[in-house]
Amino acid sequence: MKYGLLGLLALLLLPVAGLDDYLKDMKTTKQSVQDFVQSSLGYGSLYYPSACSKISKDKRPALVRAVGEFARAFVKTDAFKKWYEEYREGRKPKEPELMPLSAETRKKQIADMKKAIAEQEKAQASAPADQKAMYKDILTSFRETLKQFENQDKSNDAQMDAYIKQANAAATQEYKQKLEKFESEYPAGNPKALVKRRLQEFLDISASVDYSAKLVKKGDKWEFANPAYENKDAKWKMAFRAGKETTEAARAFAKEWLKDL
């Protein structure tokens, strides 16, 4: 089962000796927990194991802090920093493929066609006598196409090139803007900006949770009686399901962690 930042509850404040048994019960491992932290911070997921609902409310605040400390320590490790660089590289804007000018396009067309003709001529030369004739029509067509490329009307090149240059300039400018924003949001070698953003997102989402909201059963599922709450996103609803003690403890730790960053 996948779980997210709020789901760090999975590493509850249990004696170290009992931690492995707990993870086994949850069908997860310490490595899986690390993977979850990375996924949570990378994609802003907000999940927790369903078994957490069985944990008594009086234990949850301390457990949230224990798990939060685990996450705060983990993001300082070389393993997390390595993951961050790979994650960052995967989100980095790609340079645009600029359109070639008319003359460059024509030059490539001619070169490609000459290469194709040479390959067909070579194949024809080495083919059995009864198969050589089949290459004749192909070569005739290729040579005709080559002549068309070589004799293309160039009178509109200037107008077309002006459009191409304008389009390339716009694409390059857009790429530079995206890259500048990317470098600001995902600075190289420093995942703090990402951690800050995810913590703030959690605080923003969970700030308005109404823990007294009523649920009504519709069919085989429960829904909020208040339509406005039913229209809330999944993360808001997840915070509600986690409960006030859990979510408020997580919010307190998130605020503390933000100050530390």
C-alpha atoms as a PDB file:
ATOM      1  CA  MET A   1       0.000   0.000   0.000  1.00  0.00           C
ATOM      2  CA  LYS A   2       1.330   3.407  -0.876  1.00  0.00           C
ATOM      3  CA  TYR A   3       1.202   6.212   1.650  1.00  0.00           C
ATOM      4  CA  GLY A   4       2.368   9.839   1.852  1.00  0.00           C
ATOM      5  CA  LEU A   5       3.520  12.649   4.122  1.00  0.00           C
ATOM      6  CA  LEU A   6       0.595  12.284   6.507  1.00  0.00           C
ATOM      7  CA  GLY A   7       1.115   8.566   6.225  1.00  0.00           C
ATOM      8  CA  LEU A   8       4.405   8.874   8.036  1.00  0.00           C
ATOM      9  CA  LEU A   9       2.198   7.775  10.892  1.00  0.00           C
ATOM     10  CA  ALA A  10       3.178   4.309   9.799  1.00  0.00           C
ATOM     11  CA  LEU A  11       6.413   4.694  11.771  1.00  0.00           C
ATOM     12  CA  LEU A  12       4.766   5.142  15.112  1.00  0.00           C
ATOM     13  CA  LEU A  13       6.540   5.937  18.354  1.00  0.00           C
ATOM     14  CA  LEU A  14       7.108   2.346  19.304  1.00  0.00           C
ATOM     15  CA  PRO A  15      10.106   0.836  21.042  1.00  0.00           C
ATOM     16  CA  VAL A  16      12.808   0.236  18.465  1.00  0.00           C
ATOM     17  CA  ALA A  17      12.658  -3.451  19.226  1.00  0.00           C
ATOM     18  CA  GLY A  18       9.012  -3.548  18.108  1.00  0.00           C
ATOM     19  CA  LEU A  19       9.430  -1.479  14.975  1.00  0.00           C
ATOM     20  CA  ASP A  20      10.250  -4.363  12.660  1.00  0.00           C
ATOM     21  CA  ASP A  21       7.209  -6.285  13.856  1.00  0.00           C
ATOM     22  CA  TYR A  22       5.051  -3.264  13.162  1.00  0.00           C
ATOM     23  CA  LEU A  23       6.453  -2.831   9.661  1.00  0.00           C
ATOM     24  CA  LYS A  24       5.847  -6.496   9.020  1.00  0.00           C
ATOM     25  CA  ASP A  25       2.248  -6.124  10.126  1.00  0.00           C
ATOM     26  CA  MET A  26       1.900  -3.232   7.711  1.00  0.00           C
ATOM     27  CA  LYS A  27       3.535  -5.330   4.975  1.00  0.00           C
ATOM     28  CA  THR A  28       6.239  -2.741   4.423  1.00  0.00           C
ATOM     29  CA  THR A  29       9.945  -2.213   5.114  1.00  0.00           C
ATOM     30  CA  LYS A  30      12.235   0.612   6.164  1.00  0.00           C
ATOM     31  CA  GLN A  31      13.306   0.910   2.533  1.00  0.00           C
ATOM     32  CA  SER A  32       9.678   1.246   1.532  1.00  0.00           C
ATOM     33  CA  VAL A  33       9.290   4.023   4.083  1.00  0.00           C
ATOM     34  CA  GLN A  34      12.226   5.863   2.529  1.00  0.00           C
ATOM     35  CA  ASP A  35      10.701   5.363  -0.898  1.00  0.00           C
ATOM     36  CA  PHE A  36       7.432   6.739   0.419  1.00  0.00           C
ATOM     37  CA  VAL A  37       9.109   9.868   1.789  1.00  0.00           C
ATOM     38  CA  GLN A  38      10.682  10.480  -1.610  1.00  0.00           C
ATOM     39  CA  SER A  39       7.397   9.903  -3.407  1.00  0.00           C
ATOM     40  CA  SER A  40       5.526  12.143  -0.982  1.00  0.00           C
ATOM     41  CA  LEU A  41       7.932  15.023  -1.370  1.00  0.00           C
ATOM     42  CA  GLY A  42       8.304  14.503  -5.078  1.00  0.00           C
ATOM     43  CA  TYR A  43       4.638  14.277  -6.004  1.00  0.00           C
ATOM     44  CA  GLY A  44       2.808  15.719  -3.010  1.00  0.00           C
ATOM     45  CA  SER A  45       0.861  12.550  -2.241  1.00  0.00           C
ATOM     46  CA  LEU A  46      -1.011  12.420   1.048  1.00  0.00           C
ATOM     47  CA  TYR A  47      -1.789   8.891   2.091  1.00  0.00           C
ATOM     48  CA  TYR A  48      -1.454   6.652   5.099  1.00  0.00           C
ATOM     49  CA  PRO A  49      -1.954   2.929   5.707  1.00  0.00           C
ATOM     50  CA  SER A  50      -5.523   1.977   6.574  1.00  0.00           C
ATOM     51  CA  ALA A  51      -4.214   0.175   9.654  1.00  0.00           C
ATOM     52  CA  CYS A  52      -3.377   3.580  11.143  1.00  0.00           C
ATOM     53  CA  SER A  53      -7.071   4.082  11.808  1.00  0.00           C
ATOM     54  CA  LYS A  54      -6.776   1.441  14.549  1.00  0.00           C
ATOM     55  CA  ILE A  55      -4.129   3.392  16.438  1.00  0.00           C
ATOM     56  CA  SER A  56      -5.488   5.023  19.571  1.00  0.00           C
ATOM     57  CA  LYS A  57      -5.876   8.791  19.271  1.00  0.00           C
ATOM     58  CA  ASP A  58      -3.866   9.511  22.410  1.00  0.00           C
ATOM     59  CA  LYS A  59      -0.757   7.987  20.801  1.00  0.00           C
ATOM     60  CA  ARG A  60      -0.962   9.756  17.497  1.00  0.00           C
ATOM     61  CA  PRO A  61       0.586  13.154  18.318  1.00  0.00           C
ATOM     62  CA  ALA A  62       3.774  11.598  19.694  1.00  0.00           C
ATOM     63  CA  LEU A  63       3.858   9.129  16.850  1.00  0.00           C
ATOM     64  CA  VAL A  64       3.544  11.858  14.250  1.00  0.00           C
ATOM     65  CA  ARG A  65       6.514  13.645  15.770  1.00  0.00           C
ATOM     66  CA  ALA A  66       8.594  10.469  15.744  1.00  0.00           C
ATOM     67  CA  VAL A  67       7.842   9.875  12.107  1.00  0.00           C
ATOM     68  CA  GLY A  68       8.402  13.539  11.272  1.00  0.00           C
ATOM     69  CA  GLU A  69      11.842  13.385  12.844  1.00  0.00           C
ATOM     70  CA  PHE A  70      12.585  10.340  10.733  1.00  0.00           C
ATOM     71  CA  ALA A  71      11.629  12.221   7.581  1.00  0.00           C
ATOM     72  CA  ARG A  72      13.557  15.334   8.590  1.00  0.00           C
ATOM     73  CA  ALA A  73      16.682  13.259   9.174  1.00  0.00           C
ATOM     74  CA  PHE A  74      16.263  11.232   6.006  1.00  0.00           C
ATOM     75  CA  VAL A  75      16.085  14.216   3.662  1.00  0.00           C
ATOM     76  CA  LYS A  76      19.568  15.208   4.852  1.00  0.00           C
ATOM     77  CA  THR A  77      21.114  11.907   3.776  1.00  0.00           C
ATOM     78  CA  ASP A  78      23.190  11.358   0.653  1.00  0.00           C
ATOM     79  CA  ALA A  79      20.643   8.789  -0.512  1.00  0.00           C
ATOM     80  CA  PHE A  80      17.864  11.369  -0.546  1.00  0.00           C
ATOM     81  CA  LYS A  81      20.081  13.999  -2.163  1.00  0.00           C
ATOM     82  CA  LYS A  82      20.947  11.523  -4.917  1.00  0.00           C
ATOM     83  CA  TRP A  83      17.273  10.786  -5.447  1.00  0.00           C
ATOM     84  CA  TYR A  84      16.527  14.509  -5.550  1.00  0.00           C
ATOM     85  CA  GLU A  85      19.065  15.108  -8.308  1.00  0.00           C
ATOM     86  CA  GLU A  86      17.565  12.278 -10.386  1.00  0.00           C
ATOM     87  CA  TYR A  87      14.049  13.536  -9.694  1.00  0.00           C
ATOM     88  CA  ARG A  88      15.134  17.071 -10.567  1.00  0.00           C
ATOM     89  CA  GLU A  89      16.744  15.986 -13.827  1.00  0.00           C
ATOM     90  CA  GLY A  90      13.547  14.211 -14.829  1.00  0.00           C
ATOM     91  CA  ARG A  91      11.516  17.399 -14.393  1.00  0.00           C
ATOM     92  CA  LYS A  92      13.998  19.703 -16.080  1.00  0.00           C
ATOM     93  CA  PRO A  93      12.542  21.495 -19.117  1.00  0.00           C
ATOM     94  CA  LYS A  94      13.715  20.074 -22.427  1.00  0.00           C
ATOM     95  CA  GLU A  95      15.420  22.319 -24.918  1.00  0.00           C
ATOM     96  CA  PRO A  96      13.148  23.034 -27.888  1.00  0.00           C
ATOM     97  CA  GLU A  97      13.882  21.469 -31.253  1.00  0.00           C
ATOM     98  CA  LEU A  98      14.396  24.532 -33.397  1.00  0.00           C
ATOM     99  CA  MET A  99      13.178  24.469 -36.975  1.00  0.00           C
ATOM    100  CA  PRO A 100      15.919  24.592 -39.622  1.00  0.00           C
ATOM    101  CA  LEU A 101      15.941  27.375 -42.207  1.00  0.00           C
ATOM    102  CA  SER A 102      14.790  26.642 -45.746  1.00  0.00           C
ATOM    103  CA  ALA A 103      18.267  26.137 -47.159  1.00  0.00           C
ATOM    104  CA  GLU A 104      19.190  23.764 -44.333  1.00  0.00           C
ATOM    105  CA  THR A 105      16.021  21.736 -44.867  1.00  0.00           C
ATOM    106  CA  ARG A 106      16.661  21.513 -48.589  1.00  0.00           C
ATOM    107  CA  LYS A 107      20.288  20.505 -48.041  1.00  0.00           C
ATOM    108  CA  LYS A 108      19.235  17.668 -45.746  1.00  0.00           C
ATOM    109  CA  GLN A 109      16.522  16.499 -48.146  1.00  0.00           C
ATOM    110  CA  ILE A 110      19.045  16.312 -50.960  1.00  0.00           C
ATOM    111  CA  ALA A 111      21.629  14.522 -48.832  1.00  0.00           C
ATOM    112  CA  ASP A 112      19.081  11.995 -47.555  1.00  0.00           C
ATOM    113  CA  MET A 113      17.798  11.275 -51.069  1.00  0.00           C
ATOM    114  CA  LYS A 114      21.319  10.833 -52.459  1.00  0.00           C
ATOM    115  CA  LYS A 115      22.023   8.387 -49.664  1.00  0.00           C
ATOM    116  CA  ALA A 116      18.827   6.476 -50.408  1.00  0.00           C
ATOM    117  CA  ILE A 117      19.720   6.309 -54.110  1.00  0.00           C
ATOM    118  CA  ALA A 118      23.212   5.036 -53.322  1.00  0.00           C
ATOM    119  CA  GLU A 119      21.782   2.320 -51.091  1.00  0.00           C
ATOM    120  CA  GLN A 120      19.316   1.211 -53.774  1.00  0.00           C
ATOM    121  CA  GLU A 121      22.056   1.187 -56.416  1.00  0.00           C
ATOM    122  CA  LYS A 122      24.224  -0.954 -54.165  1.00  0.00           C
ATOM    123  CA  ALA A 123      21.338  -3.330 -53.504  1.00  0.00           C
ATOM    124  CA  GLN A 124      20.584  -3.548 -57.218  1.00  0.00           C
ATOM    125  CA  ALA A 125      24.201  -4.337 -58.060  1.00  0.00           C
ATOM    126  CA  SER A 126      24.353  -7.230 -55.607  1.00  0.00           C
ATOM    127  CA  ALA A 127      20.868  -8.599 -56.365  1.00  0.00           C
ATOM    128  CA  PRO A 128      20.349 -11.735 -58.474  1.00  0.00           C
ATOM    129  CA  ALA A 129      19.795 -11.063 -62.172  1.00  0.00           C
ATOM    130  CA  ASP A 130      16.099 -11.873 -61.984  1.00  0.00           C
ATOM    131  CA  GLN A 131      15.595  -9.278 -59.248  1.00  0.00           C
ATOM    132  CA  LYS A 132      17.541  -6.343 -60.631  1.00  0.00           C
ATOM    133  CA  ALA A 133      14.614  -5.034 -62.649  1.00  0.00           C
ATOM    134  CA  MET A 134      12.512  -4.378 -59.543  1.00  0.00           C
ATOM    135  CA  TYR A 135      14.943  -1.678 -58.459  1.00  0.00           C
ATOM    136  CA  LYS A 136      14.540   0.251 -61.734  1.00  0.00           C
ATOM    137  CA  ASP A 137      11.217   1.884 -60.856  1.00  0.00           C
ATOM    138  CA  ILE A 138      12.393   2.667 -57.341  1.00  0.00           C
ATOM    139  CA  LEU A 139      15.542   4.374 -58.577  1.00  0.00           C
ATOM    140  CA  THR A 140      13.615   6.282 -61.227  1.00  0.00           C
ATOM    141  CA  SER A 141      11.257   7.624 -58.577  1.00  0.00           C
ATOM    142  CA  PHE A 142      14.090   8.517 -56.196  1.00  0.00           C
ATOM    143  CA  ARG A 143      16.057  10.341 -58.896  1.00  0.00           C
ATOM    144  CA  GLU A 144      12.986  12.306 -59.905  1.00  0.00           C
ATOM    145  CA  THR A 145      12.440  13.330 -56.292  1.00  0.00           C
ATOM    146  CA  LEU A 146      16.085  14.378 -56.029  1.00  0.00           C
ATOM    147  CA  LYS A 147      15.682  16.650 -59.057  1.00  0.00           C
ATOM    148  CA  GLN A 148      12.632  18.230 -57.447  1.00  0.00           C
ATOM    149  CA  PHE A 149      14.597  18.940 -54.286  1.00  0.00           C
ATOM    150  CA  GLU A 150      17.513  20.387 -56.241  1.00  0.00           C
ATOM    151  CA  ASN A 151      15.234  22.576 -58.347  1.00  0.00           C
ATOM    152  CA  GLN A 152      12.877  23.781 -55.655  1.00  0.00           C
ATOM    153  CA  ASP A 153      11.482  27.291 -55.999  1.00  0.00           C
ATOM    154  CA  LYS A 154      13.447  29.472 -53.566  1.00  0.00           C
ATOM    155  CA  SER A 155      11.455  32.652 -54.069  1.00  0.00           C
ATOM    156  CA  ASN A 156       9.548  32.188 -50.796  1.00  0.00           C
ATOM    157  CA  ASP A 157      12.583  31.265 -48.720  1.00  0.00           C
ATOM    158  CA  ALA A 158      13.019  34.717 -47.229  1.00  0.00           C
ATOM    159  CA  GLN A 159       9.416  34.929 -46.078  1.00  0.00           C
ATOM    160  CA  MET A 160       9.436  31.395 -44.707  1.00  0.00           C
ATOM    161  CA  ASP A 161      12.770  31.929 -42.961  1.00  0.00           C
ATOM    162  CA  ALA A 162      11.448  35.054 -41.266  1.00  0.00           C
ATOM    163  CA  TYR A 163       8.572  33.010 -39.820  1.00  0.00           C
ATOM    164  CA  ILE A 164      10.932  30.217 -38.775  1.00  0.00           C
ATOM    165  CA  LYS A 165      13.272  32.630 -37.006  1.00  0.00           C
ATOM    166  CA  GLN A 166      10.367  34.237 -35.185  1.00  0.00           C
ATOM    167  CA  ALA A 167       9.006  30.849 -34.081  1.00  0.00           C
ATOM    168  CA  ASN A 168      12.459  29.691 -32.960  1.00  0.00           C
ATOM    169  CA  ALA A 169      13.009  32.878 -30.987  1.00  0.00           C
ATOM    170  CA  ALA A 170       9.652  32.460 -29.233  1.00  0.00           C
ATOM    171  CA  ALA A 171      10.403  28.822 -28.403  1.00  0.00           C
ATOM    172  CA  THR A 172      13.835  29.735 -27.077  1.00  0.00           C
ATOM    173  CA  GLN A 173      12.421  32.523 -24.910  1.00  0.00           C
ATOM    174  CA  GLU A 174       9.731  30.238 -23.512  1.00  0.00           C
ATOM    175  CA  TYR A 175      12.364  27.616 -22.708  1.00  0.00           C
ATOM    176  CA  LYS A 176      14.530  30.172 -20.903  1.00  0.00           C
ATOM    177  CA  GLN A 177      11.562  31.272 -18.788  1.00  0.00           C
ATOM    178  CA  LYS A 178      10.669  27.690 -17.902  1.00  0.00           C
ATOM    179  CA  LEU A 179      14.294  26.939 -17.067  1.00  0.00           C
ATOM    180  CA  GLU A 180      14.571  29.998 -14.843  1.00  0.00           C
ATOM    181  CA  LYS A 181      11.429  28.995 -12.962  1.00  0.00           C
ATOM    182  CA  PHE A 182      12.667  25.416 -12.710  1.00  0.00           C
ATOM    183  CA  GLU A 183      16.028  26.458 -11.275  1.00  0.00           C
ATOM    184  CA  SER A 184      14.191  28.532  -8.683  1.00  0.00           C
ATOM    185  CA  GLU A 185      11.823  25.730  -7.672  1.00  0.00           C
ATOM    186  CA  TYR A 186      14.376  22.919  -7.916  1.00  0.00           C
ATOM    187  CA  PRO A 187      17.828  24.371  -7.197  1.00  0.00           C
ATOM    188  CA  ALA A 188      20.682  21.999  -7.959  1.00  0.00           C
ATOM    189  CA  GLY A 189      22.124  20.237  -4.925  1.00  0.00           C
ATOM    190  CA  ASN A 190      19.568  21.759  -2.560  1.00  0.00           C
ATOM    191  CA  PRO A 191      16.232  19.977  -1.985  1.00  0.00           C
ATOM    192  CA  LYS A 192      15.138  22.455   0.696  1.00  0.00           C
ATOM    193  CA  ALA A 193      12.921  24.387  -1.700  1.00  0.00           C
ATOM    194  CA  LEU A 194      11.024  21.199  -2.557  1.00  0.00           C
ATOM    195  CA  VAL A 195      10.629  20.223   1.100  1.00  0.00           C
ATOM    196  CA  LYS A 196       9.394  23.718   1.965  1.00  0.00           C
ATOM    197  CA  ARG A 197       6.858  23.662  -0.844  1.00  0.00           C
ATOM    198  CA  ARG A 198       5.415  20.290   0.161  1.00  0.00           C
ATOM    199  CA  LEU A 199       5.190  21.261   3.829  1.00  0.00           C
ATOM    200  CA  GLN A 200       3.444  24.515   2.951  1.00  0.00           C
ATOM    201  CA  GLU A 201       1.065  22.693   0.612  1.00  0.00           C
ATOM    202  CA  PHE A 202       0.133  20.365   3.462  1.00  0.00           C
ATOM    203  CA  LEU A 203      -0.428  23.297   5.813  1.00  0.00           C
ATOM    204  CA  ASP A 204      -2.563  25.119   3.246  1.00  0.00           C
ATOM    205  CA  ILE A 205      -4.689  22.062   2.491  1.00  0.00           C
ATOM    206  CA  SER A 206      -5.205  21.020   6.111  1.00  0.00           C
ATOM    207  CA  ALA A 207      -5.860  24.515   7.509  1.00  0.00           C
ATOM    208  CA  SER A 208      -9.570  24.475   6.766  1.00  0.00           C
ATOM    209  CA  VAL A 209     -10.441  20.908   7.727  1.00  0.00           C
ATOM    210  CA  ASP A 210     -13.731  20.750   9.644  1.00  0.00           C
ATOM    211  CA  TYR A 211     -13.302  17.773  11.942  1.00  0.00           C
ATOM    212  CA  SER A 212     -16.922  18.041  13.067  1.00  0.00           C
ATOM    213  CA  ALA A 213     -18.231  17.547   9.542  1.00  0.00           C
ATOM    214  CA  LYS A 214     -21.015  14.998   9.344  1.00  0.00           C
ATOM    215  CA  LEU A 215     -20.993  11.992   7.051  1.00  0.00           C
ATOM    216  CA  VAL A 216     -23.997  10.278   5.524  1.00  0.00           C
ATOM    217  CA  LYS A 217     -24.143   6.879   3.920  1.00  0.00           C
ATOM    218  CA  LYS A 218     -25.103   6.797   0.272  1.00  0.00           C
ATOM    219  CA  GLY A 219     -25.312   3.325  -1.138  1.00  0.00           C
ATOM    220  CA  ASP A 220     -22.218   1.444  -0.055  1.00  0.00           C
ATOM    221  CA  LYS A 221     -20.061   4.480   0.747  1.00  0.00           C
ATOM    222  CA  TRP A 222     -19.928   7.434   3.113  1.00  0.00           C
ATOM    223  CA  GLU A 223     -20.052  11.008   1.866  1.00  0.00           C
ATOM    224  CA  PHE A 224     -20.003  14.434   3.475  1.00  0.00           C
ATOM    225  CA  ALA A 225     -23.425  15.818   4.249  1.00  0.00           C
ATOM    226  CA  ASN A 226     -22.129  19.229   3.221  1.00  0.00           C
ATOM    227  CA  PRO A 227     -21.773  19.270  -0.591  1.00  0.00           C
ATOM    228  CA  ALA A 228     -18.952  21.800  -0.328  1.00  0.00           C
ATOM    229  CA  TYR A 229     -16.930  19.309   1.692  1.00  0.00           C
ATOM    230  CA  GLU A 230     -17.759  16.477  -0.673  1.00  0.00           C
ATOM    231  CA  ASN A 231     -16.245  18.581  -3.459  1.00  0.00           C
ATOM    232  CA  LYS A 232     -12.984  19.060  -1.576  1.00  0.00           C
ATOM    233  CA  ASP A 233      -9.921  17.386  -3.044  1.00  0.00           C
ATOM    234  CA  ALA A 234      -8.666  13.991  -1.892  1.00  0.00           C
ATOM    235  CA  LYS A 235      -5.914  15.450   0.293  1.00  0.00           C
ATOM    236  CA  TRP A 236      -8.355  17.529   2.335  1.00  0.00           C
ATOM    237  CA  LYS A 237     -10.535  14.465   2.825  1.00  0.00           C
ATOM    238  CA  MET A 238      -7.506  12.394   3.797  1.00  0.00           C
ATOM    239  CA  ALA A 239      -6.608  14.905   6.492  1.00  0.00           C
ATOM    240  CA  PHE A 240     -10.180  14.726   7.756  1.00  0.00           C
ATOM    241  CA  ARG A 241     -10.063  10.938   7.926  1.00  0.00           C
ATOM    242  CA  ALA A 242      -6.758  11.030   9.773  1.00  0.00           C
ATOM    243  CA  GLY A 243      -8.521  12.943  12.525  1.00  0.00           C
ATOM    244  CA  LYS A 244      -7.893  16.163  14.400  1.00  0.00           C
ATOM    245  CA  GLU A 245      -5.267  14.792  16.796  1.00  0.00           C
ATOM    246  CA  THR A 246      -3.258  13.325  13.934  1.00  0.00           C
ATOM    247  CA  THR A 247      -3.549  16.212  11.506  1.00  0.00           C
ATOM    248  CA  GLU A 248      -2.955  18.943  14.070  1.00  0.00           C
ATOM    249  CA  ALA A 249       0.135  17.126  15.304  1.00  0.00           C
ATOM    250  CA  ALA A 250       1.354  16.906  11.724  1.00  0.00           C
ATOM    251  CA  ARG A 251       0.634  20.605  11.201  1.00  0.00           C
ATOM    252  CA  ALA A 252       2.570  21.526  14.340  1.00  0.00           C
ATOM    253  CA  PHE A 253       5.562  19.521  13.190  1.00  0.00           C
ATOM    254  CA  ALA A 254       5.344  20.923   9.654  1.00  0.00           C
ATOM    255  CA  LYS A 255       5.464  24.474  11.028  1.00  0.00           C
ATOM    256  CA  GLU A 256       8.444  23.601  13.192  1.00  0.00           C
ATOM    257  CA  TRP A 257      10.224  21.953  10.272  1.00  0.00           C
ATOM    258  CA  LEU A 258       9.592  24.968   8.066  1.00  0.00           C
ATOM    259  CA  LYS A 259      11.286  27.219  10.604  1.00  0.00           C
ATOM    260  CA  ASP A 260      14.263  24.865  10.617  1.00  0.00           C
ATOM    261  CA  LEU A 261      14.554  25.169   6.827  1.00  0.00           C
END
